[in-house]
Amino acid sequence: MAQITIIPGFPDGQRDRAAALYWQAFGAKLGRIMAPEARALHFFETILNPGYAISALDARGRVIGLAGFKTQEGSLTGGGFRDLARAYGWFGALWRAPVLSMLERPVAPGILLMDGICVDTAARGQGVGTRLLDAIKTEAAQREETHVRLDVIDINPRARALYERQGFVAQGTEDIGPLRHLLGFSKATRMRYTL
């Protein structure tokens, strides 16, 4: 197994790498809303908050995995209307903001909400995702949260299998309705891990 180091946040100078990994994982889902890719990458480079991230580094210190989380205080992918406007212009922000707001998930007290997990395609199958999930559980425990919650989409059975192996339990499935035409999936299952 390759050497993997888990750290809080992401290293200075690798914000672009973190944004690229996030886009690699979620570009297919967000592409119709956030395209073109160059603007999406600029947006994510601007808004990613390392205070709500855990990274996996390879032996050279390069980010090969990223797990984001959200609490009542903040999240990996915060950002607001002004951030959208800087990346897409005012008109682009006007239609994107309401669509993106429909994807927002509130955080209840005692819950650490996963805000995305991504592993470089070249590093998959090396235990990076498992290590990041373990680190998220540790982060939640250190923050004295009682649960970790995440959502997994219906077209990602591999991720759901990983979460189930890690002790996450399905809590319910939500049909996303007409958003399925924009996002490319139909349902999301809420899963929860009890600390």
N, C-alpha and C. Protein backbone atom coordinates (compact mmCIF):
# COMPACT_ATOMS: atom_id res chain seq x y z
N MET A 1 0.84 -1.18 0.00
CA MET A 1 0.00 0.00 0.00
C MET A 1 0.89 1.25 0.00
N ALA A 2 0.51 2.24 -0.78
CA ALA A 2 1.27 3.48 -0.87
C ALA A 2 1.18 4.26 0.43
N GLN A 3 2.18 5.07 0.69
CA GLN A 3 2.19 5.92 1.88
C GLN A 3 1.14 7.01 1.72
N ILE A 4 0.25 7.11 2.71
CA ILE A 4 -0.81 8.12 2.71
C ILE A 4 -0.76 8.83 4.05
N THR A 5 -0.78 10.15 4.02
CA THR A 5 -0.81 10.96 5.23
C THR A 5 -2.12 11.73 5.26
N ILE A 6 -2.79 11.71 6.39
CA ILE A 6 -4.04 12.44 6.56
C ILE A 6 -3.75 13.71 7.36
N ILE A 7 -4.21 14.85 6.85
CA ILE A 7 -3.99 16.12 7.54
C ILE A 7 -5.28 16.93 7.59
N PRO A 8 -5.41 17.82 8.57
CA PRO A 8 -6.55 18.76 8.53
C PRO A 8 -6.31 19.80 7.44
N GLY A 9 -7.38 20.26 6.82
CA GLY A 9 -7.27 21.28 5.78
C GLY A 9 -6.63 20.74 4.53
N PHE A 10 -6.00 21.62 3.77
CA PHE A 10 -5.18 21.21 2.63
C PHE A 10 -3.98 22.15 2.58
N PRO A 11 -2.86 21.68 2.05
CA PRO A 11 -1.62 22.47 2.10
C PRO A 11 -1.73 23.79 1.33
N ASP A 12 -1.03 24.80 1.85
CA ASP A 12 -0.90 26.05 1.11
C ASP A 12 -0.34 25.73 -0.26
N GLY A 13 -0.84 26.39 -1.26
CA GLY A 13 -0.34 26.15 -2.60
C GLY A 13 -1.05 25.03 -3.32
N GLN A 14 -1.97 24.32 -2.66
CA GLN A 14 -2.69 23.23 -3.33
C GLN A 14 -4.20 23.49 -3.39
N ARG A 15 -4.58 24.74 -3.26
CA ARG A 15 -6.00 25.11 -3.38
C ARG A 15 -6.53 24.71 -4.76
N ASP A 16 -5.73 24.94 -5.81
CA ASP A 16 -6.15 24.56 -7.16
C ASP A 16 -6.31 23.05 -7.28
N ARG A 17 -5.43 22.30 -6.63
CA ARG A 17 -5.51 20.83 -6.65
C ARG A 17 -6.77 20.36 -5.93
N ALA A 18 -7.07 20.98 -4.77
CA ALA A 18 -8.28 20.62 -4.01
C ALA A 18 -9.52 20.91 -4.85
N ALA A 19 -9.54 22.06 -5.53
CA ALA A 19 -10.68 22.41 -6.38
C ALA A 19 -10.82 21.43 -7.54
N ALA A 20 -9.70 21.04 -8.13
CA ALA A 20 -9.73 20.08 -9.25
C ALA A 20 -10.26 18.73 -8.80
N LEU A 21 -9.85 18.27 -7.60
CA LEU A 21 -10.37 17.01 -7.08
C LEU A 21 -11.87 17.10 -6.83
N TYR A 22 -12.30 18.21 -6.25
CA TYR A 22 -13.73 18.40 -5.98
C TYR A 22 -14.51 18.35 -7.29
N TRP A 23 -14.00 19.04 -8.31
CA TRP A 23 -14.68 19.04 -9.61
C TRP A 23 -14.64 17.66 -10.25
N GLN A 24 -13.53 16.94 -10.10
CA GLN A 24 -13.43 15.58 -10.63
C GLN A 24 -14.54 14.70 -10.06
N ALA A 25 -14.80 14.87 -8.77
CA ALA A 25 -15.82 14.04 -8.11
C ALA A 25 -17.24 14.51 -8.39
N PHE A 26 -17.45 15.83 -8.47
CA PHE A 26 -18.82 16.35 -8.54
C PHE A 26 -19.16 17.08 -9.83
N GLY A 27 -18.22 17.13 -10.76
CA GLY A 27 -18.46 17.81 -12.02
C GLY A 27 -19.59 17.21 -12.83
N ALA A 28 -19.71 15.89 -12.80
CA ALA A 28 -20.79 15.25 -13.56
C ALA A 28 -22.15 15.64 -12.98
N LYS A 29 -22.21 15.78 -11.67
CA LYS A 29 -23.47 16.14 -11.01
C LYS A 29 -23.76 17.63 -11.15
N LEU A 30 -22.73 18.46 -11.05
CA LEU A 30 -22.93 19.91 -11.04
C LEU A 30 -22.65 20.57 -12.38
N GLY A 31 -22.22 19.79 -13.37
CA GLY A 31 -21.78 20.35 -14.64
C GLY A 31 -22.77 21.24 -15.34
N ARG A 32 -24.02 20.87 -15.36
CA ARG A 32 -25.01 21.69 -16.06
C ARG A 32 -25.27 23.01 -15.35
N ILE A 33 -25.02 23.03 -14.05
CA ILE A 33 -25.22 24.26 -13.28
C ILE A 33 -23.94 25.10 -13.26
N MET A 34 -22.81 24.45 -13.08
CA MET A 34 -21.56 25.17 -12.81
C MET A 34 -20.64 25.33 -14.03
N ALA A 35 -20.97 24.69 -15.15
CA ALA A 35 -20.13 24.82 -16.35
C ALA A 35 -20.12 26.27 -16.80
N PRO A 36 -19.08 26.66 -17.52
CA PRO A 36 -17.98 25.86 -18.04
C PRO A 36 -16.96 25.51 -16.95
N GLU A 37 -16.20 24.46 -17.21
CA GLU A 37 -15.28 23.93 -16.22
C GLU A 37 -14.30 24.97 -15.69
N ALA A 38 -13.76 25.80 -16.54
CA ALA A 38 -12.77 26.80 -16.09
C ALA A 38 -13.38 27.74 -15.05
N ARG A 39 -14.62 28.14 -15.24
CA ARG A 39 -15.27 29.02 -14.26
C ARG A 39 -15.60 28.26 -12.99
N ALA A 40 -16.02 27.01 -13.14
CA ALA A 40 -16.31 26.20 -11.96
C ALA A 40 -15.06 26.03 -11.11
N LEU A 41 -13.94 25.72 -11.75
CA LEU A 41 -12.69 25.56 -11.01
C LEU A 41 -12.29 26.87 -10.32
N HIS A 42 -12.46 27.98 -11.01
CA HIS A 42 -12.17 29.29 -10.39
C HIS A 42 -13.06 29.51 -9.17
N PHE A 43 -14.34 29.22 -9.31
CA PHE A 43 -15.29 29.39 -8.21
C PHE A 43 -14.86 28.54 -7.01
N PHE A 44 -14.59 27.25 -7.24
CA PHE A 44 -14.23 26.38 -6.12
C PHE A 44 -12.88 26.75 -5.51
N GLU A 45 -11.94 27.16 -6.34
CA GLU A 45 -10.66 27.63 -5.79
C GLU A 45 -10.87 28.79 -4.83
N THR A 46 -11.82 29.64 -5.15
CA THR A 46 -12.10 30.83 -4.35
C THR A 46 -12.81 30.49 -3.04
N ILE A 47 -13.75 29.55 -3.08
CA ILE A 47 -14.63 29.37 -1.91
C ILE A 47 -14.26 28.21 -0.99
N LEU A 48 -13.45 27.26 -1.44
CA LEU A 48 -13.14 26.12 -0.57
C LEU A 48 -12.50 26.61 0.73
N ASN A 49 -13.04 26.16 1.84
CA ASN A 49 -12.57 26.59 3.16
C ASN A 49 -11.80 25.44 3.81
N PRO A 50 -10.46 25.56 3.91
CA PRO A 50 -9.67 24.46 4.47
C PRO A 50 -9.96 24.17 5.93
N GLY A 51 -10.62 25.09 6.63
CA GLY A 51 -11.00 24.84 8.01
C GLY A 51 -12.06 23.77 8.15
N TYR A 52 -12.68 23.39 7.04
CA TYR A 52 -13.71 22.36 7.04
C TYR A 52 -13.35 21.25 6.05
N ALA A 53 -12.06 20.91 6.04
CA ALA A 53 -11.57 19.88 5.12
C ALA A 53 -10.55 18.99 5.81
N ILE A 54 -10.46 17.79 5.32
CA ILE A 54 -9.42 16.84 5.70
C ILE A 54 -8.86 16.31 4.39
N SER A 55 -7.54 16.28 4.29
CA SER A 55 -6.90 15.84 3.05
C SER A 55 -6.08 14.58 3.24
N ALA A 56 -5.98 13.83 2.17
CA ALA A 56 -5.06 12.69 2.10
C ALA A 56 -3.95 13.09 1.15
N LEU A 57 -2.71 12.94 1.60
CA LEU A 57 -1.54 13.29 0.79
C LEU A 57 -0.77 12.05 0.42
N ASP A 58 -0.20 12.04 -0.78
CA ASP A 58 0.66 10.94 -1.17
C ASP A 58 2.07 11.17 -0.61
N ALA A 59 3.01 10.31 -0.94
CA ALA A 59 4.36 10.39 -0.39
C ALA A 59 5.07 11.69 -0.78
N ARG A 60 4.66 12.30 -1.89
CA ARG A 60 5.26 13.57 -2.33
C ARG A 60 4.58 14.79 -1.71
N GLY A 61 3.54 14.55 -0.89
CA GLY A 61 2.81 15.66 -0.27
C GLY A 61 1.73 16.26 -1.14
N ARG A 62 1.34 15.54 -2.19
CA ARG A 62 0.31 16.00 -3.11
C ARG A 62 -1.06 15.52 -2.65
N VAL A 63 -2.06 16.40 -2.69
CA VAL A 63 -3.42 16.03 -2.29
C VAL A 63 -3.97 15.00 -3.27
N ILE A 64 -4.34 13.83 -2.73
CA ILE A 64 -4.94 12.78 -3.56
C ILE A 64 -6.36 12.45 -3.11
N GLY A 65 -6.78 13.05 -2.00
CA GLY A 65 -8.13 12.85 -1.51
C GLY A 65 -8.53 14.02 -0.63
N LEU A 66 -9.83 14.28 -0.61
CA LEU A 66 -10.34 15.42 0.15
C LEU A 66 -11.71 15.05 0.69
N ALA A 67 -11.92 15.31 1.97
CA ALA A 67 -13.23 15.13 2.59
C ALA A 67 -13.61 16.46 3.20
N GLY A 68 -14.77 16.95 2.83
CA GLY A 68 -15.27 18.20 3.38
C GLY A 68 -16.38 17.92 4.36
N PHE A 69 -16.58 18.87 5.27
CA PHE A 69 -17.68 18.73 6.21
C PHE A 69 -18.31 20.07 6.48
N LYS A 70 -19.50 20.00 7.06
CA LYS A 70 -20.29 21.19 7.35
C LYS A 70 -20.81 21.08 8.77
N THR A 71 -20.71 22.18 9.50
CA THR A 71 -21.27 22.29 10.84
C THR A 71 -22.16 23.53 10.85
N GLN A 72 -22.70 23.86 11.99
CA GLN A 72 -23.52 25.06 12.07
C GLN A 72 -22.66 26.32 11.93
N GLU A 73 -21.34 26.18 12.05
CA GLU A 73 -20.45 27.33 11.95
C GLU A 73 -19.94 27.59 10.53
N GLY A 74 -19.88 26.58 9.67
CA GLY A 74 -19.35 26.77 8.33
C GLY A 74 -19.23 25.47 7.58
N SER A 75 -18.65 25.56 6.36
CA SER A 75 -18.54 24.36 5.53
C SER A 75 -17.40 24.50 4.52
N LEU A 76 -17.02 23.37 3.95
CA LEU A 76 -16.00 23.35 2.91
C LEU A 76 -16.43 24.20 1.72
N THR A 77 -17.66 24.04 1.29
CA THR A 77 -18.13 24.72 0.09
C THR A 77 -19.14 25.80 0.41
N GLY A 78 -18.76 26.72 1.27
CA GLY A 78 -19.63 27.85 1.59
C GLY A 78 -19.86 28.70 0.35
N GLY A 79 -19.37 29.91 0.39
CA GLY A 79 -19.55 30.79 -0.75
C GLY A 79 -20.95 31.34 -0.79
N GLY A 80 -21.10 32.43 -1.48
CA GLY A 80 -22.39 33.09 -1.59
C GLY A 80 -22.58 33.71 -2.96
N PHE A 81 -23.58 34.57 -3.02
CA PHE A 81 -23.95 35.19 -4.29
C PHE A 81 -22.79 35.98 -4.89
N ARG A 82 -22.09 36.74 -4.07
CA ARG A 82 -20.97 37.55 -4.59
C ARG A 82 -19.87 36.66 -5.17
N ASP A 83 -19.62 35.50 -4.53
CA ASP A 83 -18.62 34.57 -5.06
C ASP A 83 -19.06 34.04 -6.43
N LEU A 84 -20.35 33.70 -6.55
CA LEU A 84 -20.87 33.26 -7.84
C LEU A 84 -20.73 34.35 -8.89
N ALA A 85 -21.05 35.57 -8.50
CA ALA A 85 -20.98 36.69 -9.45
C ALA A 85 -19.55 36.93 -9.91
N ARG A 86 -18.57 36.77 -9.02
CA ARG A 86 -17.17 36.95 -9.42
C ARG A 86 -16.76 35.90 -10.46
N ALA A 87 -17.29 34.70 -10.34
CA ALA A 87 -16.92 33.63 -11.27
C ALA A 87 -17.75 33.63 -12.54
N TYR A 88 -19.05 33.98 -12.42
CA TYR A 88 -19.98 33.81 -13.55
C TYR A 88 -20.62 35.11 -14.03
N GLY A 89 -20.33 36.22 -13.39
CA GLY A 89 -21.01 37.47 -13.71
C GLY A 89 -22.35 37.52 -12.99
N TRP A 90 -22.94 38.72 -12.96
CA TRP A 90 -24.20 38.88 -12.21
C TRP A 90 -25.33 38.05 -12.80
N PHE A 91 -25.46 38.04 -14.12
CA PHE A 91 -26.54 37.26 -14.73
C PHE A 91 -26.37 35.77 -14.44
N GLY A 92 -25.15 35.27 -14.58
CA GLY A 92 -24.89 33.86 -14.30
C GLY A 92 -25.17 33.50 -12.85
N ALA A 93 -24.87 34.42 -11.95
CA ALA A 93 -25.14 34.19 -10.53
C ALA A 93 -26.64 34.20 -10.24
N LEU A 94 -27.39 35.06 -10.95
CA LEU A 94 -28.83 35.20 -10.69
C LEU A 94 -29.59 33.90 -10.89
N TRP A 95 -29.23 33.11 -11.92
CA TRP A 95 -29.97 31.87 -12.11
C TRP A 95 -29.33 30.70 -11.37
N ARG A 96 -28.01 30.75 -11.15
CA ARG A 96 -27.34 29.65 -10.45
C ARG A 96 -27.67 29.63 -8.95
N ALA A 97 -27.72 30.79 -8.34
CA ALA A 97 -27.91 30.87 -6.88
C ALA A 97 -29.18 30.15 -6.42
N PRO A 98 -30.34 30.39 -7.04
CA PRO A 98 -31.53 29.68 -6.55
C PRO A 98 -31.47 28.17 -6.77
N VAL A 99 -30.86 27.75 -7.88
CA VAL A 99 -30.74 26.31 -8.14
C VAL A 99 -29.83 25.67 -7.09
N LEU A 100 -28.69 26.30 -6.83
CA LEU A 100 -27.76 25.77 -5.83
C LEU A 100 -28.37 25.78 -4.44
N SER A 101 -29.21 26.77 -4.14
CA SER A 101 -29.83 26.83 -2.81
C SER A 101 -30.75 25.63 -2.58
N MET A 102 -31.29 25.07 -3.65
CA MET A 102 -32.16 23.89 -3.50
C MET A 102 -31.35 22.66 -3.10
N LEU A 103 -30.03 22.71 -3.30
CA LEU A 103 -29.17 21.58 -2.93
C LEU A 103 -28.66 21.69 -1.49
N GLU A 104 -28.88 22.83 -0.87
CA GLU A 104 -28.39 23.05 0.49
C GLU A 104 -29.06 22.09 1.47
N ARG A 105 -28.28 21.62 2.42
CA ARG A 105 -28.80 20.73 3.46
C ARG A 105 -28.53 21.37 4.81
N PRO A 106 -29.57 21.58 5.60
CA PRO A 106 -29.37 22.19 6.92
C PRO A 106 -28.63 21.22 7.85
N VAL A 107 -27.95 21.80 8.83
CA VAL A 107 -27.22 21.00 9.82
C VAL A 107 -27.90 21.15 11.16
N ALA A 108 -28.30 20.04 11.73
CA ALA A 108 -28.92 20.06 13.06
C ALA A 108 -27.83 20.00 14.13
N PRO A 109 -28.14 20.46 15.34
CA PRO A 109 -27.16 20.35 16.42
C PRO A 109 -26.76 18.89 16.64
N GLY A 110 -25.49 18.67 16.96
CA GLY A 110 -24.99 17.33 17.22
C GLY A 110 -24.60 16.55 15.98
N ILE A 111 -24.72 17.18 14.80
CA ILE A 111 -24.45 16.49 13.54
C ILE A 111 -23.28 17.15 12.82
N LEU A 112 -22.37 16.34 12.34
CA LEU A 112 -21.34 16.79 11.40
C LEU A 112 -21.79 16.26 10.04
N LEU A 113 -22.04 17.14 9.12
CA LEU A 113 -22.56 16.78 7.80
C LEU A 113 -21.42 16.70 6.81
N MET A 114 -21.28 15.58 6.13
CA MET A 114 -20.27 15.45 5.08
C MET A 114 -20.61 16.44 3.96
N ASP A 115 -19.61 17.16 3.50
CA ASP A 115 -19.77 18.15 2.44
C ASP A 115 -18.91 17.73 1.25
N GLY A 116 -18.97 16.45 0.93
CA GLY A 116 -18.24 15.92 -0.21
C GLY A 116 -17.00 15.14 0.19
N ILE A 117 -16.77 14.05 -0.50
CA ILE A 117 -15.55 13.28 -0.35
C ILE A 117 -15.10 12.91 -1.76
N CYS A 118 -13.82 13.11 -2.03
CA CYS A 118 -13.31 12.83 -3.37
C CYS A 118 -11.91 12.24 -3.29
N VAL A 119 -11.68 11.27 -4.14
CA VAL A 119 -10.38 10.61 -4.22
C VAL A 119 -9.95 10.63 -5.68
N ASP A 120 -8.72 11.04 -5.93
CA ASP A 120 -8.18 11.08 -7.28
C ASP A 120 -8.37 9.70 -7.92
N THR A 121 -8.79 9.68 -9.17
CA THR A 121 -9.03 8.40 -9.85
C THR A 121 -7.80 7.50 -9.81
N ALA A 122 -6.61 8.08 -9.89
CA ALA A 122 -5.37 7.28 -9.87
C ALA A 122 -5.09 6.68 -8.49
N ALA A 123 -5.74 7.18 -7.44
CA ALA A 123 -5.48 6.70 -6.08
C ALA A 123 -6.61 5.82 -5.54
N ARG A 124 -7.61 5.54 -6.35
CA ARG A 124 -8.73 4.72 -5.86
C ARG A 124 -8.28 3.28 -5.65
N GLY A 125 -8.92 2.63 -4.69
CA GLY A 125 -8.59 1.25 -4.37
C GLY A 125 -7.39 1.11 -3.45
N GLN A 126 -6.90 2.22 -2.91
CA GLN A 126 -5.74 2.19 -2.00
C GLN A 126 -6.12 2.49 -0.56
N GLY A 127 -7.42 2.55 -0.28
CA GLY A 127 -7.86 2.81 1.08
C GLY A 127 -7.95 4.28 1.45
N VAL A 128 -7.82 5.18 0.47
CA VAL A 128 -7.86 6.61 0.75
C VAL A 128 -9.23 7.02 1.28
N GLY A 129 -10.29 6.58 0.64
CA GLY A 129 -11.64 6.92 1.07
C GLY A 129 -11.92 6.45 2.49
N THR A 130 -11.49 5.24 2.81
CA THR A 130 -11.68 4.70 4.16
C THR A 130 -10.93 5.54 5.18
N ARG A 131 -9.70 5.91 4.87
CA ARG A 131 -8.90 6.74 5.78
C ARG A 131 -9.56 8.10 5.99
N LEU A 132 -10.09 8.68 4.93
CA LEU A 132 -10.76 9.98 5.06
C LEU A 132 -12.03 9.87 5.90
N LEU A 133 -12.79 8.81 5.70
CA LEU A 133 -14.00 8.62 6.51
C LEU A 133 -13.65 8.42 7.98
N ASP A 134 -12.60 7.67 8.26
CA ASP A 134 -12.15 7.51 9.65
C ASP A 134 -11.77 8.87 10.24
N ALA A 135 -11.10 9.70 9.46
CA ALA A 135 -10.70 11.02 9.94
C ALA A 135 -11.92 11.92 10.17
N ILE A 136 -12.94 11.79 9.34
CA ILE A 136 -14.18 12.56 9.54
C ILE A 136 -14.85 12.14 10.85
N LYS A 137 -14.88 10.84 11.12
CA LYS A 137 -15.46 10.36 12.38
C LYS A 137 -14.69 10.91 13.57
N THR A 138 -13.37 10.92 13.46
CA THR A 138 -12.53 11.47 14.53
C THR A 138 -12.81 12.95 14.72
N GLU A 139 -12.92 13.68 13.62
CA GLU A 139 -13.23 15.12 13.68
C GLU A 139 -14.56 15.35 14.39
N ALA A 140 -15.56 14.55 14.04
CA ALA A 140 -16.87 14.69 14.68
C ALA A 140 -16.78 14.43 16.18
N ALA A 141 -16.04 13.40 16.56
CA ALA A 141 -15.88 13.08 17.98
C ALA A 141 -15.16 14.21 18.71
N GLN A 142 -14.12 14.78 18.09
CA GLN A 142 -13.39 15.88 18.72
C GLN A 142 -14.27 17.11 18.88
N ARG A 143 -15.22 17.29 18.01
CA ARG A 143 -16.16 18.41 18.10
C ARG A 143 -17.36 18.08 18.99
N GLU A 144 -17.33 16.89 19.57
CA GLU A 144 -18.38 16.40 20.46
C GLU A 144 -19.74 16.31 19.77
N GLU A 145 -19.71 15.97 18.48
CA GLU A 145 -20.95 15.70 17.75
C GLU A 145 -21.36 14.26 18.03
N THR A 146 -22.62 13.95 17.86
CA THR A 146 -23.10 12.60 18.14
C THR A 146 -23.28 11.75 16.88
N HIS A 147 -23.35 12.43 15.71
CA HIS A 147 -23.57 11.71 14.45
C HIS A 147 -22.80 12.36 13.31
N VAL A 148 -22.48 11.54 12.32
CA VAL A 148 -22.00 12.03 11.03
C VAL A 148 -23.09 11.67 10.03
N ARG A 149 -23.49 12.66 9.23
CA ARG A 149 -24.53 12.43 8.23
C ARG A 149 -23.98 12.72 6.85
N LEU A 150 -24.45 11.98 5.87
CA LEU A 150 -24.08 12.22 4.48
C LEU A 150 -25.24 11.83 3.59
N ASP A 151 -25.17 12.26 2.35
CA ASP A 151 -26.14 11.86 1.34
C ASP A 151 -25.39 11.17 0.22
N VAL A 152 -25.94 10.09 -0.28
CA VAL A 152 -25.32 9.37 -1.40
C VAL A 152 -26.37 9.23 -2.49
N ILE A 153 -25.94 9.48 -3.74
CA ILE A 153 -26.90 9.47 -4.84
C ILE A 153 -27.07 8.06 -5.40
N ASP A 154 -28.21 7.86 -6.03
CA ASP A 154 -28.60 6.53 -6.50
C ASP A 154 -27.69 5.96 -7.58
N ILE A 155 -26.94 6.81 -8.28
CA ILE A 155 -26.07 6.30 -9.34
C ILE A 155 -24.65 6.05 -8.85
N ASN A 156 -24.45 6.03 -7.54
CA ASN A 156 -23.12 5.79 -6.99
C ASN A 156 -23.14 4.64 -5.98
N PRO A 157 -23.45 3.41 -6.45
CA PRO A 157 -23.53 2.28 -5.52
C PRO A 157 -22.19 1.94 -4.87
N ARG A 158 -21.09 2.25 -5.54
CA ARG A 158 -19.77 1.97 -4.96
C ARG A 158 -19.55 2.80 -3.69
N ALA A 159 -19.93 4.08 -3.75
CA ALA A 159 -19.80 4.94 -2.56
C ALA A 159 -20.72 4.44 -1.45
N ARG A 160 -21.94 4.08 -1.80
CA ARG A 160 -22.88 3.61 -0.78
C ARG A 160 -22.34 2.35 -0.11
N ALA A 161 -21.75 1.45 -0.88
CA ALA A 161 -21.17 0.23 -0.30
C ALA A 161 -20.05 0.57 0.68
N LEU A 162 -19.22 1.55 0.33
CA LEU A 162 -18.15 1.98 1.23
C LEU A 162 -18.75 2.53 2.53
N TYR A 163 -19.75 3.38 2.42
CA TYR A 163 -20.37 3.97 3.61
C TYR A 163 -20.99 2.88 4.50
N GLU A 164 -21.63 1.92 3.89
CA GLU A 164 -22.23 0.83 4.67
C GLU A 164 -21.15 0.01 5.37
N ARG A 165 -20.04 -0.27 4.69
CA ARG A 165 -18.92 -0.98 5.33
C ARG A 165 -18.36 -0.18 6.51
N GLN A 166 -18.46 1.12 6.43
CA GLN A 166 -17.95 2.00 7.48
C GLN A 166 -18.97 2.22 8.60
N GLY A 167 -20.11 1.56 8.54
CA GLY A 167 -21.07 1.64 9.63
C GLY A 167 -22.17 2.67 9.46
N PHE A 168 -22.25 3.31 8.29
CA PHE A 168 -23.33 4.26 8.04
C PHE A 168 -24.60 3.49 7.72
N VAL A 169 -25.72 4.00 8.23
CA VAL A 169 -27.01 3.34 8.07
C VAL A 169 -27.96 4.28 7.32
N ALA A 170 -28.67 3.73 6.33
CA ALA A 170 -29.64 4.53 5.56
C ALA A 170 -30.76 4.99 6.47
N GLN A 171 -31.13 6.28 6.32
CA GLN A 171 -32.18 6.87 7.13
C GLN A 171 -33.41 7.26 6.32
N GLY A 172 -33.30 7.20 5.01
CA GLY A 172 -34.41 7.56 4.15
C GLY A 172 -33.90 8.02 2.80
N THR A 173 -34.76 7.94 1.80
CA THR A 173 -34.40 8.32 0.44
C THR A 173 -35.33 9.42 -0.03
N GLU A 174 -34.74 10.41 -0.71
CA GLU A 174 -35.49 11.55 -1.20
C GLU A 174 -35.40 11.61 -2.71
N ASP A 175 -36.54 11.74 -3.36
CA ASP A 175 -36.59 11.94 -4.80
C ASP A 175 -36.35 13.43 -5.05
N ILE A 176 -35.46 13.76 -5.96
CA ILE A 176 -35.13 15.18 -6.17
C ILE A 176 -36.02 15.86 -7.20
N GLY A 177 -36.99 15.13 -7.73
CA GLY A 177 -37.97 15.73 -8.63
C GLY A 177 -37.37 16.25 -9.91
N PRO A 178 -37.81 17.45 -10.35
CA PRO A 178 -37.36 17.97 -11.64
C PRO A 178 -35.87 18.29 -11.69
N LEU A 179 -35.22 18.41 -10.54
CA LEU A 179 -33.78 18.67 -10.55
C LEU A 179 -32.99 17.52 -11.19
N ARG A 180 -33.62 16.35 -11.31
CA ARG A 180 -32.92 15.21 -11.90
C ARG A 180 -32.45 15.50 -13.32
N HIS A 181 -33.17 16.39 -14.02
CA HIS A 181 -32.79 16.73 -15.39
C HIS A 181 -31.51 17.56 -15.43
N LEU A 182 -31.27 18.33 -14.37
CA LEU A 182 -30.04 19.12 -14.28
C LEU A 182 -28.89 18.33 -13.69
N LEU A 183 -29.19 17.45 -12.75
CA LEU A 183 -28.14 16.81 -11.97
C LEU A 183 -27.76 15.40 -12.43
N GLY A 184 -28.63 14.74 -13.20
CA GLY A 184 -28.28 13.43 -13.73
C GLY A 184 -28.49 12.27 -12.77
N PHE A 185 -29.17 12.49 -11.65
CA PHE A 185 -29.56 11.39 -10.76
C PHE A 185 -30.96 11.68 -10.26
N SER A 186 -31.62 10.66 -9.72
CA SER A 186 -33.02 10.80 -9.33
C SER A 186 -33.25 10.85 -7.83
N LYS A 187 -32.41 10.15 -7.08
CA LYS A 187 -32.66 10.03 -5.64
C LYS A 187 -31.37 10.15 -4.85
N ALA A 188 -31.52 10.61 -3.62
CA ALA A 188 -30.39 10.68 -2.69
C ALA A 188 -30.83 10.02 -1.39
N THR A 189 -29.96 9.18 -0.85
CA THR A 189 -30.24 8.49 0.40
C THR A 189 -29.44 9.15 1.51
N ARG A 190 -30.14 9.54 2.58
CA ARG A 190 -29.49 10.07 3.78
C ARG A 190 -28.93 8.90 4.57
N MET A 191 -27.69 9.00 4.97
CA MET A 191 -27.07 7.95 5.78
C MET A 191 -26.47 8.59 7.01
N ARG A 192 -26.44 7.81 8.11
CA ARG A 192 -25.95 8.36 9.36
C ARG A 192 -25.08 7.35 10.08
N TYR A 193 -24.02 7.87 10.67
CA TYR A 193 -23.13 7.09 11.51
C TYR A 193 -23.24 7.63 12.93
N THR A 194 -23.48 6.74 13.89
CA THR A 194 -23.60 7.15 15.28
C THR A 194 -22.28 6.95 15.98
N LEU A 195 -21.80 8.01 16.61
CA LEU A 195 -20.52 7.97 17.32
C LEU A 195 -20.69 7.32 18.70
